[in-house]
Amino acid sequence: MEFKIRIGNPRIDGIEHHLLQLDPAGLVDVDAADGRVRIATCAQPFELAMILAAAGHPVAVSDIELMPSVCCGGCSG
């Protein structure tokens, strides 16, 4: 799943450190188009809220936006 979160001055390394403890395949970056943090993970929104808080970026679960899937199904049939 892909999520976007608006965070002022995000510390991507810290977020990534905490995310990878829960989801070793997780990805974190900043979307250059809108400046929001983009996270691809199998974690649920409440888990992301805990990860972000541990990284110094407390947000409400309601501030975590689930993006529509871009999966074509080709990888897993």
Protein backbone atom coordinates (compact mmCIF):
# COMPACT_ATOMS: atom_id res chain seq x y z
CA MET A 1 0.00 0.00 0.00
CA GLU A 2 1.13 3.55 -0.60
CA PHE A 3 0.48 6.37 1.82
CA LYS A 4 1.16 10.11 1.74
CA ILE A 5 1.57 12.31 4.78
CA ARG A 6 2.25 16.05 5.01
CA ILE A 7 5.13 16.54 7.46
CA GLY A 8 7.14 19.74 7.85
CA ASN A 9 10.90 19.12 7.49
CA PRO A 10 10.69 15.32 7.51
CA ARG A 11 13.72 13.33 8.68
CA ILE A 12 13.50 10.56 6.10
CA ASP A 13 16.39 8.56 7.59
CA GLY A 14 14.66 8.38 10.97
CA ILE A 15 11.33 7.40 9.46
CA GLU A 16 13.01 4.76 7.31
CA HIS A 17 14.90 3.35 10.31
CA HIS A 18 11.68 2.77 12.26
CA LEU A 19 9.69 1.59 9.22
CA LEU A 20 12.25 -1.06 8.26
CA GLN A 21 12.02 -2.60 11.73
CA LEU A 22 8.36 -3.40 11.00
CA ASP A 23 8.51 -3.84 7.23
CA PRO A 24 11.97 -4.65 5.80
CA ALA A 25 10.64 -4.06 2.27
CA GLY A 26 9.17 -0.63 3.11
CA LEU A 27 10.16 2.46 1.13
CA VAL A 28 10.15 6.12 2.20
CA ASP A 29 10.77 9.24 0.14
CA VAL A 30 9.42 12.73 -0.47
CA ASP A 31 7.13 13.22 -3.46
CA ALA A 32 8.77 16.05 -5.41
CA ALA A 33 5.41 17.01 -6.95
CA ASP A 34 3.65 17.89 -3.70
CA GLY A 35 6.30 17.74 -0.95
CA ARG A 36 4.51 15.06 1.04
CA VAL A 37 6.23 12.04 2.54
CA ARG A 38 5.43 8.94 0.51
CA ILE A 39 5.58 5.53 2.21
CA ALA A 40 5.12 2.17 0.50
CA THR A 41 4.54 -0.54 3.09
CA CYS A 42 2.40 -3.41 4.27
CA ALA A 43 1.91 -1.54 7.59
CA GLN A 44 -1.53 -0.28 8.55
CA PRO A 45 -2.23 3.44 9.15
CA PHE A 46 -2.21 3.08 12.96
CA GLU A 47 1.21 1.39 12.71
CA LEU A 48 2.48 4.22 10.50
CA ALA A 49 1.30 6.74 13.08
CA MET A 50 3.36 4.92 15.73
CA ILE A 51 6.39 4.73 13.39
CA LEU A 52 6.17 8.44 12.59
CA ALA A 53 5.80 9.35 16.27
CA ALA A 54 8.87 7.24 17.13
CA ALA A 55 10.77 9.11 14.41
CA GLY A 56 9.79 12.47 15.94
CA HIS A 57 6.87 13.24 13.61
CA PRO A 58 3.64 12.65 15.54
CA VAL A 59 0.59 12.69 13.26
CA ALA A 60 -3.02 11.63 13.63
CA VAL A 61 -4.11 8.49 11.81
CA SER A 62 -6.59 10.69 9.95
CA ASP A 63 -3.64 12.66 8.48
CA ILE A 64 -2.30 9.52 6.77
CA GLU A 65 -3.75 9.32 3.27
CA LEU A 66 -4.04 5.91 1.58
CA MET A 67 -3.33 6.31 -2.11
CA PRO A 68 -5.15 4.33 -4.80
CA SER A 69 -3.37 1.14 -5.83
CA VAL A 70 -1.11 1.28 -8.88
CA CYS A 71 -0.65 -2.49 -8.88
CA CYS A 72 -1.28 -4.15 -12.24
CA GLY A 73 -1.13 -7.64 -10.73
CA GLY A 74 1.73 -8.67 -13.02
CA CYS A 75 4.18 -9.52 -10.24
CA SER A 76 2.00 -12.05 -8.46
CA GLY A 77 -0.39 -13.19 -11.13
